[in-house]
PDB file of N, CA and C in Angstrom:
ATOM      1  N   MET A   1       2.760  15.057   7.739  1.00  0.00           N
ATOM      2  CA  MET A   1       2.909  15.730   6.367  1.00  0.00           C
ATOM      3  C   MET A   1       3.834  15.249   5.754  1.00  0.00           C
ATOM      4  N   ILE A   2       5.099  14.518   5.797  1.00  0.00           N
ATOM      5  CA  ILE A   2       5.780  13.956   4.884  1.00  0.00           C
ATOM      6  C   ILE A   2       5.048  12.307   4.898  1.00  0.00           C
ATOM      7  N   ARG A   3       4.618  12.070   6.078  1.00  0.00           N
ATOM      8  CA  ARG A   3       4.193  10.252   5.311  1.00  0.00           C
ATOM      9  C   ARG A   3       2.891  10.756   4.628  1.00  0.00           C
ATOM     10  N   HIS A   4       2.244  12.097   4.456  1.00  0.00           N
ATOM     11  CA  HIS A   4       1.320  11.722   3.264  1.00  0.00           C
ATOM     12  C   HIS A   4       1.792  12.045   2.230  1.00  0.00           C
ATOM     13  N   ALA A   5       3.439  12.670   1.641  1.00  0.00           N
ATOM     14  CA  ALA A   5       3.674  13.108   0.256  1.00  0.00           C
ATOM     15  C   ALA A   5       4.269  12.071   0.178  1.00  0.00           C
ATOM     16  N   ALA A   6       4.770  10.851   1.250  1.00  0.00           N
ATOM     17  CA  ALA A   6       5.470   9.958   0.632  1.00  0.00           C
ATOM     18  C   ALA A   6       4.078   8.736  -0.015  1.00  0.00           C
ATOM     19  N   ALA A   7       2.836   8.957   0.237  1.00  0.00           N
ATOM     20  CA  ALA A   7       2.305   8.031   0.210  1.00  0.00           C
ATOM     21  C   ALA A   7       1.462   8.366  -0.954  1.00  0.00           C
ATOM     22  N   LEU A   8       1.103  10.080  -1.502  1.00  0.00           N
ATOM     23  CA  LEU A   8       0.991  10.383  -2.255  1.00  0.00           C
ATOM     24  C   LEU A   8       1.645  10.117  -3.749  1.00  0.00           C
ATOM     25  N   THR A   9       3.032  10.096  -3.581  1.00  0.00           N
ATOM     26  CA  THR A   9       4.308  10.023  -4.287  1.00  0.00           C
ATOM     27  C   THR A   9       4.360   8.511  -5.167  1.00  0.00           C
ATOM     28  N   ALA A  10       3.680   7.317  -3.986  1.00  0.00           N
ATOM     29  CA  ALA A  10       3.274   6.193  -4.077  1.00  0.00           C
ATOM     30  C   ALA A  10       2.238   6.103  -5.324  1.00  0.00           C
ATOM     31  N   LEU A  11       0.999   6.467  -4.682  1.00  0.00           N
ATOM     32  CA  LEU A  11       0.007   6.349  -5.504  1.00  0.00           C
ATOM     33  C   LEU A  11       0.522   6.855  -7.187  1.00  0.00           C
ATOM     34  N   LEU A  12       1.001   7.957  -6.797  1.00  0.00           N
ATOM     35  CA  LEU A  12       0.922   8.503  -8.571  1.00  0.00           C
ATOM     36  C   LEU A  12       2.359   7.644  -9.409  1.00  0.00           C
ATOM     37  N   LEU A  13       3.285   6.893  -8.696  1.00  0.00           N
ATOM     38  CA  LEU A  13       4.046   5.928  -9.187  1.00  0.00           C
ATOM     39  C   LEU A  13       3.647   4.270  -9.576  1.00  0.00           C
ATOM     40  N   LEU A  14       2.251   4.288  -8.903  1.00  0.00           N
ATOM     41  CA  LEU A  14       1.046   3.037  -9.610  1.00  0.00           C
ATOM     42  C   LEU A  14       0.462   3.430 -11.290  1.00  0.00           C
ATOM     43  N   THR A  15       0.109   4.737 -10.873  1.00  0.00           N
ATOM     44  CA  THR A  15      -0.431   5.044 -12.253  1.00  0.00           C
ATOM     45  C   THR A  15       0.360   4.975 -12.832  1.00  0.00           C
ATOM     46  N   ALA A  16       1.481   5.166 -12.995  1.00  0.00           N
ATOM     47  CA  ALA A  16       2.668   5.084 -13.934  1.00  0.00           C
ATOM     48  C   ALA A  16       2.773   3.535 -14.232  1.00  0.00           C
ATOM     49  N   CYS A  17       2.656   2.726 -13.362  1.00  0.00           N
ATOM     50  CA  CYS A  17       2.830   1.134 -13.258  1.00  0.00           C
ATOM     51  C   CYS A  17       2.148   0.459 -13.151  1.00  0.00           C
ATOM     52  N   SER A  18       1.187   0.818 -13.699  1.00  0.00           N
ATOM     53  CA  SER A  18       0.034  -0.085 -12.881  1.00  0.00           C
ATOM     54  C   SER A  18      -0.593  -1.220 -13.020  1.00  0.00           C
ATOM     55  N   ASP A  19       0.270  -1.325 -14.170  1.00  0.00           N
ATOM     56  CA  ASP A  19       0.721  -2.606 -14.973  1.00  0.00           C
ATOM     57  C   ASP A  19       1.077  -4.080 -13.811  1.00  0.00           C
ATOM     58  N   SER A  20       2.408  -3.384 -13.362  1.00  0.00           N
ATOM     59  CA  SER A  20       3.172  -4.235 -12.139  1.00  0.00           C
ATOM     60  C   SER A  20       3.046  -4.048 -11.059  1.00  0.00           C
ATOM     61  N   ALA A  21       1.929  -3.558 -10.783  1.00  0.00           N
ATOM     62  CA  ALA A  21       1.307  -3.234  -9.240  1.00  0.00           C
ATOM     63  C   ALA A  21       0.778  -5.316  -8.762  1.00  0.00           C
ATOM     64  N   LYS A  22       1.178  -5.561  -7.507  1.00  0.00           N
ATOM     65  CA  LYS A  22       0.709  -6.519  -7.513  1.00  0.00           C
ATOM     66  C   LYS A  22      -0.430  -6.493  -6.375  1.00  0.00           C
ATOM     67  N   LEU A  23      -1.698  -6.419  -7.186  1.00  0.00           N
ATOM     68  CA  LEU A  23      -2.895  -5.877  -5.668  1.00  0.00           C
ATOM     69  C   LEU A  23      -3.284  -6.969  -4.962  1.00  0.00           C
ATOM     70  N   ILE A  24      -3.329  -6.451  -3.257  1.00  0.00           N
ATOM     71  CA  ILE A  24      -3.425  -7.398  -2.524  1.00  0.00           C
ATOM     72  C   ILE A  24      -4.813  -6.870  -1.793  1.00  0.00           C
ATOM     73  N   SER A  25      -5.601  -8.497  -1.882  1.00  0.00           N
ATOM     74  CA  SER A  25      -6.875  -8.620  -0.988  1.00  0.00           C
ATOM     75  C   SER A  25      -7.188  -8.891   0.187  1.00  0.00           C
ATOM     76  N   THR A  26      -8.169  -8.044   0.608  1.00  0.00           N
ATOM     77  CA  THR A  26      -8.191  -8.252   2.458  1.00  0.00           C
ATOM     78  C   THR A  26      -8.364  -9.289   2.833  1.00  0.00           C
ATOM     79  N   ASP A  27      -8.498 -10.560   1.920  1.00  0.00           N
ATOM     80  CA  ASP A  27      -8.217 -12.152   2.799  1.00  0.00           C
ATOM     81  C   ASP A  27      -7.269 -11.725   2.625  1.00  0.00           C
ATOM     82  N   ALA A  28      -5.795 -12.001   2.607  1.00  0.00           N
ATOM     83  CA  ALA A  28      -4.847 -12.417   2.208  1.00  0.00           C
ATOM     84  C   ALA A  28      -3.795 -11.475   3.720  1.00  0.00           C
ATOM     85  N   THR A  29      -5.078 -10.662   4.132  1.00  0.00           N
ATOM     86  CA  THR A  29      -4.585 -10.164   5.173  1.00  0.00           C
ATOM     87  C   THR A  29      -4.773 -10.723   6.971  1.00  0.00           C
ATOM     88  N   THR A  30      -5.594 -11.792   6.709  1.00  0.00           N
ATOM     89  CA  THR A  30      -6.362 -11.874   7.226  1.00  0.00           C
ATOM     90  C   THR A  30      -5.366 -13.140   8.850  1.00  0.00           C
ATOM     91  N   GLY A  31      -4.543 -13.689   8.008  1.00  0.00           N
ATOM     92  CA  GLY A  31      -3.454 -14.957   8.737  1.00  0.00           C
ATOM     93  C   GLY A  31      -2.885 -13.990   9.491  1.00  0.00           C
ATOM     94  N   PHE A  32      -2.549 -12.463   9.233  1.00  0.00           N
ATOM     95  CA  PHE A  32      -1.735 -11.395  10.509  1.00  0.00           C
ATOM     96  C   PHE A  32      -1.713 -11.486  11.465  1.00  0.00           C
ATOM     97  N   LYS A  33      -1.330 -11.500  12.462  1.00  0.00           N
ATOM     98  CA  LYS A  33      -1.713 -11.638  14.075  1.00  0.00           C
ATOM     99  C   LYS A  33      -0.822 -10.151  14.374  1.00  0.00           C
ATOM    100  N   ALA A  34      -1.212  -9.033  14.792  1.00  0.00           N
ATOM    101  CA  ALA A  34      -0.688  -8.080  15.286  1.00  0.00           C
ATOM    102  C   ALA A  34      -0.167  -8.853  17.282  1.00  0.00           C
ATOM    103  N   GLY A  35       0.985  -8.274  17.541  1.00  0.00           N
ATOM    104  CA  GLY A  35       1.385  -8.394  18.052  1.00  0.00           C
ATOM    105  C   GLY A  35       2.519 -10.170  18.376  1.00  0.00           C
ATOM    106  N   SER A  36       2.004 -10.618  16.943  1.00  0.00           N
ATOM    107  CA  SER A  36       2.978 -12.021  17.132  1.00  0.00           C
ATOM    108  C   SER A  36       3.419 -12.023  15.537  1.00  0.00           C
ATOM    109  N   THR A  37       2.789 -11.196  14.635  1.00  0.00           N
ATOM    110  CA  THR A  37       4.210 -11.666  13.146  1.00  0.00           C
ATOM    111  C   THR A  37       5.033 -10.892  13.017  1.00  0.00           C
ATOM    112  N   ASN A  38       5.982 -11.046  12.233  1.00  0.00           N
ATOM    113  CA  ASN A  38       6.595  -9.826  11.881  1.00  0.00           C
ATOM    114  C   ASN A  38       6.624  -9.384  10.648  1.00  0.00           C
ATOM    115  N   GLN A  39       7.320  -8.365  10.946  1.00  0.00           N
ATOM    116  CA  GLN A  39       8.009  -7.713   9.149  1.00  0.00           C
ATOM    117  C   GLN A  39       8.180  -8.720   7.832  1.00  0.00           C
ATOM    118  N   THR A  40       9.262  -9.397   8.268  1.00  0.00           N
ATOM    119  CA  THR A  40       9.505 -10.303   7.912  1.00  0.00           C
ATOM    120  C   THR A  40       8.516 -11.815   7.339  1.00  0.00           C
ATOM    121  N   GLU A  41       7.607 -11.747   8.264  1.00  0.00           N
ATOM    122  CA  GLU A  41       6.765 -12.726   7.438  1.00  0.00           C
ATOM    123  C   GLU A  41       5.613 -12.152   6.504  1.00  0.00           C
ATOM    124  N   VAL A  42       5.355 -11.357   6.563  1.00  0.00           N
ATOM    125  CA  VAL A  42       4.168 -10.369   5.704  1.00  0.00           C
ATOM    126  C   VAL A  42       4.654 -10.545   4.406  1.00  0.00           C
ATOM    127  N   VAL A  43       6.541  -9.937   4.528  1.00  0.00           N
ATOM    128  CA  VAL A  43       6.700  -9.393   3.110  1.00  0.00           C
ATOM    129  C   VAL A  43       6.906 -10.933   2.524  1.00  0.00           C
ATOM    130  N   ALA A  44       7.317 -11.787   2.891  1.00  0.00           N
ATOM    131  CA  ALA A  44       7.341 -13.463   2.758  1.00  0.00           C
ATOM    132  C   ALA A  44       6.206 -13.879   1.628  1.00  0.00           C
ATOM    133  N   ALA A  45       4.974 -12.969   2.807  1.00  0.00           N
ATOM    134  CA  ALA A  45       4.140 -13.535   1.998  1.00  0.00           C
ATOM    135  C   ALA A  45       2.879 -13.017   1.113  1.00  0.00           C
ATOM    136  N   LEU A  46       3.459 -11.116   0.862  1.00  0.00           N
ATOM    137  CA  LEU A  46       2.583 -10.451   0.258  1.00  0.00           C
ATOM    138  C   LEU A  46       3.975  -9.790  -0.789  1.00  0.00           C
ATOM    139  N   GLY A  47       5.047 -10.406  -0.743  1.00  0.00           N
ATOM    140  CA  GLY A  47       6.065  -9.686  -1.927  1.00  0.00           C
ATOM    141  C   GLY A  47       6.549  -8.455  -0.811  1.00  0.00           C
ATOM    142  N   LYS A  48       7.052  -7.331  -1.419  1.00  0.00           N
ATOM    143  CA  LYS A  48       7.963  -6.233  -1.333  1.00  0.00           C
ATOM    144  C   LYS A  48       7.224  -5.506  -1.312  1.00  0.00           C
ATOM    145  N   PRO A  49       6.738  -4.447  -0.360  1.00  0.00           N
ATOM    146  CA  PRO A  49       5.560  -3.230  -0.582  1.00  0.00           C
ATOM    147  C   PRO A  49       6.007  -2.170  -1.779  1.00  0.00           C
ATOM    148  N   ILE A  50       5.226  -1.657  -2.036  1.00  0.00           N
ATOM    149  CA  ILE A  50       5.154  -0.589  -2.894  1.00  0.00           C
ATOM    150  C   ILE A  50       6.156   0.544  -1.773  1.00  0.00           C
ATOM    151  N   HIS A  51       5.535   0.577  -0.825  1.00  0.00           N
ATOM    152  CA  HIS A  51       6.275   1.951   0.157  1.00  0.00           C
ATOM    153  C   HIS A  51       6.951   1.707   1.041  1.00  0.00           C
ATOM    154  N   THR A  52       7.635   1.513   1.627  1.00  0.00           N
ATOM    155  CA  THR A  52       7.972   2.228   3.369  1.00  0.00           C
ATOM    156  C   THR A  52       8.196   3.177   4.184  1.00  0.00           C
ATOM    157  N   ILE A  53       7.518   3.213   5.124  1.00  0.00           N
ATOM    158  CA  ILE A  53       7.644   4.921   5.838  1.00  0.00           C
ATOM    159  C   ILE A  53       8.560   4.272   7.221  1.00  0.00           C
ATOM    160  N   GLU A  54       9.520   4.999   7.226  1.00  0.00           N
ATOM    161  CA  GLU A  54       9.973   4.715   8.788  1.00  0.00           C
ATOM    162  C   GLU A  54      10.039   5.994   9.523  1.00  0.00           C
ATOM    163  N   GLU A  55       9.373   5.281  10.694  1.00  0.00           N
ATOM    164  CA  GLU A  55       9.250   6.833  11.951  1.00  0.00           C
ATOM    165  C   GLU A  55      10.070   7.417  12.350  1.00  0.00           C
ATOM    166  N   ALA A  56      10.746   8.049  13.173  1.00  0.00           N
ATOM    167  CA  ALA A  56      11.715   8.669  13.822  1.00  0.00           C
ATOM    168  C   ALA A  56      12.007   8.013  14.935  1.00  0.00           C
ATOM    169  N   ASP A  57      11.298   7.325  15.519  1.00  0.00           N
ATOM    170  CA  ASP A  57      10.985   6.236  16.547  1.00  0.00           C
ATOM    171  C   ASP A  57      11.824   4.602  16.578  1.00  0.00           C
ATOM    172  N   GLY A  58      11.637   4.569  14.912  1.00  0.00           N
ATOM    173  CA  GLY A  58      11.965   2.916  14.338  1.00  0.00           C
ATOM    174  C   GLY A  58      10.512   2.347  14.365  1.00  0.00           C
ATOM    175  N   SER A  59       9.946   3.014  14.048  1.00  0.00           N
ATOM    176  CA  SER A  59       8.736   2.335  13.303  1.00  0.00           C
ATOM    177  C   SER A  59       8.499   2.197  12.072  1.00  0.00           C
ATOM    178  N   LYS A  60       8.164   1.513  11.260  1.00  0.00           N
ATOM    179  CA  LYS A  60       7.856   1.158  10.362  1.00  0.00           C
ATOM    180  C   LYS A  60       6.144   1.239   9.507  1.00  0.00           C
ATOM    181  N   ILE A  61       5.990   1.924   8.457  1.00  0.00           N
ATOM    182  CA  ILE A  61       4.705   1.380   8.172  1.00  0.00           C
ATOM    183  C   ILE A  61       4.333   0.986   6.659  1.00  0.00           C
ATOM    184  N   ASP A  62       4.193  -0.474   6.084  1.00  0.00           N
ATOM    185  CA  ASP A  62       4.702  -0.838   4.428  1.00  0.00           C
ATOM    186  C   ASP A  62       2.842  -0.530   4.210  1.00  0.00           C
ATOM    187  N   GLN A  63       3.096  -0.151   2.896  1.00  0.00           N
ATOM    188  CA  GLN A  63       1.876  -0.056   2.381  1.00  0.00           C
ATOM    189  C   GLN A  63       2.022  -0.524   1.088  1.00  0.00           C
ATOM    190  N   TYR A  64       0.759  -1.643   0.854  1.00  0.00           N
ATOM    191  CA  TYR A  64       0.668  -2.094  -0.301  1.00  0.00           C
ATOM    192  C   TYR A  64      -0.680  -1.519  -1.197  1.00  0.00           C
ATOM    193  N   PRO A  65      -0.624  -2.118  -2.563  1.00  0.00           N
ATOM    194  CA  PRO A  65      -2.332  -1.829  -2.942  1.00  0.00           C
ATOM    195  C   PRO A  65      -3.934  -2.608  -2.982  1.00  0.00           C
ATOM    196  N   ALA A  66      -4.616  -2.270  -2.874  1.00  0.00           N
ATOM    197  CA  ALA A  66      -5.472  -3.261  -2.056  1.00  0.00           C
ATOM    198  C   ALA A  66      -6.614  -3.341  -3.882  1.00  0.00           C
ATOM    199  N   GLU A  67      -6.901  -4.528  -3.536  1.00  0.00           N
ATOM    200  CA  GLU A  67      -7.607  -5.242  -4.620  1.00  0.00           C
ATOM    201  C   GLU A  67      -9.105  -3.882  -4.739  1.00  0.00           C
ATOM    202  N   ALA A  68      -9.680  -4.315  -3.622  1.00  0.00           N
ATOM    203  CA  ALA A  68     -10.833  -2.528  -3.122  1.00  0.00           C
ATOM    204  C   ALA A  68     -10.524  -1.650  -3.608  1.00  0.00           C
ATOM    205  N   GLY A  69     -11.259  -0.826  -3.990  1.00  0.00           N
ATOM    206  CA  GLY A  69     -11.591   0.354  -4.340  1.00  0.00           C
ATOM    207  C   GLY A  69     -10.359   0.556  -6.045  1.00  0.00           C
ATOM    208  N   SER A  70     -10.198  -0.549  -6.523  1.00  0.00           N
ATOM    209  CA  SER A  70      -9.542  -0.194  -8.099  1.00  0.00           C
ATOM    210  C   SER A  70      -9.644   0.171  -8.876  1.00  0.00           C
ATOM    211  N   THR A  71      -9.793   1.094  -9.468  1.00  0.00           N
ATOM    212  CA  THR A  71     -10.940   1.380 -11.035  1.00  0.00           C
ATOM    213  C   THR A  71      -9.649   1.237 -11.952  1.00  0.00           C
ATOM    214  N   SER A  72     -10.457   0.432 -13.475  1.00  0.00           N
ATOM    215  CA  SER A  72      -9.780   0.760 -14.680  1.00  0.00           C
ATOM    216  C   SER A  72     -10.314   1.830 -15.595  1.00  0.00           C
ATOM    217  N   GLY A  73      -9.210   1.706 -16.769  1.00  0.00           N
ATOM    218  CA  GLY A  73      -9.987   2.544 -18.002  1.00  0.00           C
ATOM    219  C   GLY A  73      -8.935   2.581 -18.840  1.00  0.00           C
ATOM    220  N   SER A  74      -9.544   3.210 -19.802  1.00  0.00           N
ATOM    221  CA  SER A  74      -8.404   3.167 -21.461  1.00  0.00           C
ATOM    222  C   SER A  74      -7.424   4.454 -21.436  1.00  0.00           C
ATOM    223  N   GLY A  75      -7.685   5.444 -20.661  1.00  0.00           N
ATOM    224  CA  GLY A  75      -7.440   7.058 -20.641  1.00  0.00           C
ATOM    225  C   GLY A  75      -6.021   6.964 -20.863  1.00  0.00           C
ATOM    226  N   ILE A  76      -5.279   8.213 -20.960  1.00  0.00           N
ATOM    227  CA  ILE A  76      -3.615   7.845 -21.146  1.00  0.00           C
ATOM    228  C   ILE A  76      -3.501   8.671 -19.762  1.00  0.00           C
ATOM    229  N   TRP A  77      -4.804  10.509 -19.419  1.00  0.00           N
ATOM    230  CA  TRP A  77      -4.651  11.260 -18.929  1.00  0.00           C
ATOM    231  C   TRP A  77      -5.528  10.892 -17.815  1.00  0.00           C
ATOM    232  N   PRO A  78      -4.624  10.435 -16.536  1.00  0.00           N
ATOM    233  CA  PRO A  78      -6.013  10.200 -14.910  1.00  0.00           C
ATOM    234  C   PRO A  78      -7.148  11.929 -15.045  1.00  0.00           C
ATOM    235  N   GLU A  79      -8.043  11.002 -13.892  1.00  0.00           N
ATOM    236  CA  GLU A  79      -9.198  11.790 -13.409  1.00  0.00           C
ATOM    237  C   GLU A  79      -9.436  13.145 -13.420  1.00  0.00           C
ATOM    238  N   TRP A  80      -8.467  12.993 -12.384  1.00  0.00           N
ATOM    239  CA  TRP A  80      -7.857  14.519 -12.050  1.00  0.00           C
ATOM    240  C   TRP A  80      -7.250  15.777 -12.987  1.00  0.00           C
ATOM    241  N   ILE A  81      -6.918  15.138 -14.063  1.00  0.00           N
ATOM    242  CA  ILE A  81      -6.816  16.532 -14.837  1.00  0.00           C
ATOM    243  C   ILE A  81      -7.418  16.318 -16.098  1.00  0.00           C
ATOM    244  N   GLY A  82      -8.216  16.028 -16.060  1.00  0.00           N
ATOM    245  CA  GLY A  82      -9.911  16.313 -17.007  1.00  0.00           C
ATOM    246  C   GLY A  82      -9.496  14.009 -17.494  1.00  0.00           C
ATOM    247  N   GLY A  83      -8.357  13.545 -17.417  1.00  0.00           N
ATOM    248  CA  GLY A  83      -9.143  12.226 -18.518  1.00  0.00           C
ATOM    249  C   GLY A  83      -9.373  11.496 -18.030  1.00  0.00           C
ATOM    250  N   THR A  84     -10.307  10.158 -18.257  1.00  0.00           N
ATOM    251  CA  THR A  84     -10.375   8.852 -18.073  1.00  0.00           C
ATOM    252  C   THR A  84      -9.282   7.852 -17.436  1.00  0.00           C
ATOM    253  N   SER A  85     -10.121   6.858 -16.737  1.00  0.00           N
ATOM    254  CA  SER A  85      -9.057   6.488 -15.405  1.00  0.00           C
ATOM    255  C   SER A  85      -8.269   5.798 -16.078  1.00  0.00           C
ATOM    256  N   THR A  86      -6.991   5.186 -15.481  1.00  0.00           N
ATOM    257  CA  THR A  86      -6.260   4.940 -16.139  1.00  0.00           C
ATOM    258  C   THR A  86      -6.169   3.596 -15.323  1.00  0.00           C
ATOM    259  N   GLY A  87      -6.180   3.359 -14.221  1.00  0.00           N
ATOM    260  CA  GLY A  87      -6.314   2.010 -13.162  1.00  0.00           C
ATOM    261  C   GLY A  87      -5.424   2.329 -12.151  1.00  0.00           C
ATOM    262  N   GLY A  88      -5.117   3.619 -11.805  1.00  0.00           N
ATOM    263  CA  GLY A  88      -4.297   3.922 -10.871  1.00  0.00           C
ATOM    264  C   GLY A  88      -4.740   4.703  -9.398  1.00  0.00           C
ATOM    265  N   ALA A  89      -5.763   4.501  -9.526  1.00  0.00           N
ATOM    266  CA  ALA A  89      -6.727   4.646  -8.365  1.00  0.00           C
ATOM    267  C   ALA A  89      -6.659   3.122  -7.258  1.00  0.00           C
ATOM    268  N   TYR A  90      -6.048   3.548  -6.736  1.00  0.00           N
ATOM    269  CA  TYR A  90      -5.947   2.091  -5.699  1.00  0.00           C
ATOM    270  C   TYR A  90      -6.272   2.467  -4.210  1.00  0.00           C
ATOM    271  N   ALA A  91      -7.048   1.155  -3.628  1.00  0.00           N
ATOM    272  CA  ALA A  91      -7.426   1.578  -1.963  1.00  0.00           C
ATOM    273  C   ALA A  91      -5.945   0.737  -1.317  1.00  0.00           C
ATOM    274  N   MET A  92      -5.912   1.419   0.093  1.00  0.00           N
ATOM    275  CA  MET A  92      -4.178   0.989   0.666  1.00  0.00           C
ATOM    276  C   MET A  92      -4.276   0.599   1.565  1.00  0.00           C
ATOM    277  N   ILE A  93      -3.377  -0.880   1.800  1.00  0.00           N
ATOM    278  CA  ILE A  93      -3.452  -1.126   2.926  1.00  0.00           C
ATOM    279  C   ILE A  93      -2.174  -1.290   3.571  1.00  0.00           C
ATOM    280  N   SER A  94      -2.256  -0.888   4.801  1.00  0.00           N
ATOM    281  CA  SER A  94      -0.882  -0.523   5.585  1.00  0.00           C
ATOM    282  C   SER A  94      -0.279  -1.643   7.200  1.00  0.00           C
ATOM    283  N   PHE A  95       0.063  -2.061   6.419  1.00  0.00           N
ATOM    284  CA  PHE A  95       1.314  -2.683   8.224  1.00  0.00           C
ATOM    285  C   PHE A  95       1.948  -1.869   8.934  1.00  0.00           C
ATOM    286  N   GLU A  96       1.205  -1.728  10.358  1.00  0.00           N
ATOM    287  CA  GLU A  96       2.179  -0.660  11.201  1.00  0.00           C
ATOM    288  C   GLU A  96       3.262  -2.249  12.227  1.00  0.00           C
ATOM    289  N   TYR A  97       4.087  -1.673  12.131  1.00  0.00           N
ATOM    290  CA  TYR A  97       5.296  -2.452  12.881  1.00  0.00           C
ATOM    291  C   TYR A  97       5.415  -1.542  13.906  1.00  0.00           C
ATOM    292  N   THR A  98       6.205  -2.239  14.998  1.00  0.00           N
ATOM    293  CA  THR A  98       6.942  -1.689  15.932  1.00  0.00           C
ATOM    294  C   THR A  98       8.499  -1.487  15.957  1.00  0.00           C
ATOM    295  N   PRO A  99       9.347  -0.472  16.684  1.00  0.00           N
ATOM    296  CA  PRO A  99      10.753  -0.581  16.164  1.00  0.00           C
ATOM    297  C   PRO A  99      11.153  -1.712  16.359  1.00  0.00           C
ATOM    298  N   GLY A 100      10.794  -3.381  16.984  1.00  0.00           N
ATOM    299  CA  GLY A 100      11.231  -4.140  16.804  1.00  0.00           C
ATOM    300  C   GLY A 100      10.794  -5.022  15.887  1.00  0.00           C
ATOM    301  N   GLY A 101      10.104  -4.218  14.986  1.00  0.00           N
ATOM    302  CA  GLY A 101       9.762  -5.144  13.396  1.00  0.00           C
ATOM    303  C   GLY A 101       8.188  -6.414  13.754  1.00  0.00           C
ATOM    304  N   ILE A 102       7.556  -6.504  14.897  1.00  0.00           N
ATOM    305  CA  ILE A 102       6.602  -6.864  15.212  1.00  0.00           C
ATOM    306  C   ILE A 102       5.422  -6.060  14.690  1.00  0.00           C
ATOM    307  N   LEU A 103       4.369  -6.773  14.064  1.00  0.00           N
ATOM    308  CA  LEU A 103       3.197  -6.081  13.105  1.00  0.00           C
ATOM    309  C   LEU A 103       2.519  -5.431  14.704  1.00  0.00           C
ATOM    310  N   LYS A 104       2.267  -4.198  14.724  1.00  0.00           N
ATOM    311  CA  LYS A 104       1.282  -3.517  15.641  1.00  0.00           C
ATOM    312  C   LYS A 104      -0.288  -3.305  15.173  1.00  0.00           C
ATOM    313  N   ASP A 105      -0.238  -3.038  13.649  1.00  0.00           N
ATOM    314  CA  ASP A 105      -1.956  -3.074  13.078  1.00  0.00           C
ATOM    315  C   ASP A 105      -2.005  -3.118  12.018  1.00  0.00           C
ATOM    316  N   ILE A 106      -3.321  -2.899  11.147  1.00  0.00           N
ATOM    317  CA  ILE A 106      -3.293  -3.388   9.363  1.00  0.00           C
ATOM    318  C   ILE A 106      -4.478  -2.372   9.245  1.00  0.00           C
ATOM    319  N   LYS A 107      -4.338  -1.560   8.138  1.00  0.00           N
ATOM    320  CA  LYS A 107      -5.260  -0.529   7.906  1.00  0.00           C
ATOM    321  C   LYS A 107      -5.752  -0.550   6.668  1.00  0.00           C
ATOM    322  N   THR A 108      -6.544  -0.220   6.616  1.00  0.00           N
ATOM    323  CA  THR A 108      -7.119   0.093   4.892  1.00  0.00           C
ATOM    324  C   THR A 108      -7.657   1.026   4.976  1.00  0.00           C
ATOM    325  N   GLY A 109      -7.921   1.918   3.715  1.00  0.00           N
ATOM    326  CA  GLY A 109      -8.622   2.972   3.103  1.00  0.00           C
ATOM    327  C   GLY A 109      -8.043   3.541   2.013  1.00  0.00           C
ATOM    328  N   LYS A 110      -8.794   4.026   1.538  1.00  0.00           N
ATOM    329  CA  LYS A 110      -7.972   5.294  -0.089  1.00  0.00           C
ATOM    330  C   LYS A 110      -7.269   6.454   0.372  1.00  0.00           C
TER     331      LYS A 110
END
């Protein structure tokens, strides 16, 4: 539940700061291999994630906004309150790491 609230918060922050978010393409993830790539390598290649979730067991999830699924518009208010899209609707790419910082999985989704 807390993880979902954190992801929603990150998406809302993207709405407010949509000009500064670097969108990651799915092609940019092809060089990362589960079991061998570490978190430092991913951050060096993609930059700082918009959000990092730390689990109780020490594992981490870094979240980046993805190019796929992004929308743009000129409205001031988000669609969910009756306005037009402001460019804040992004798909997310999540990098899941073991407690030791080794990449476990890459997940995409909205």
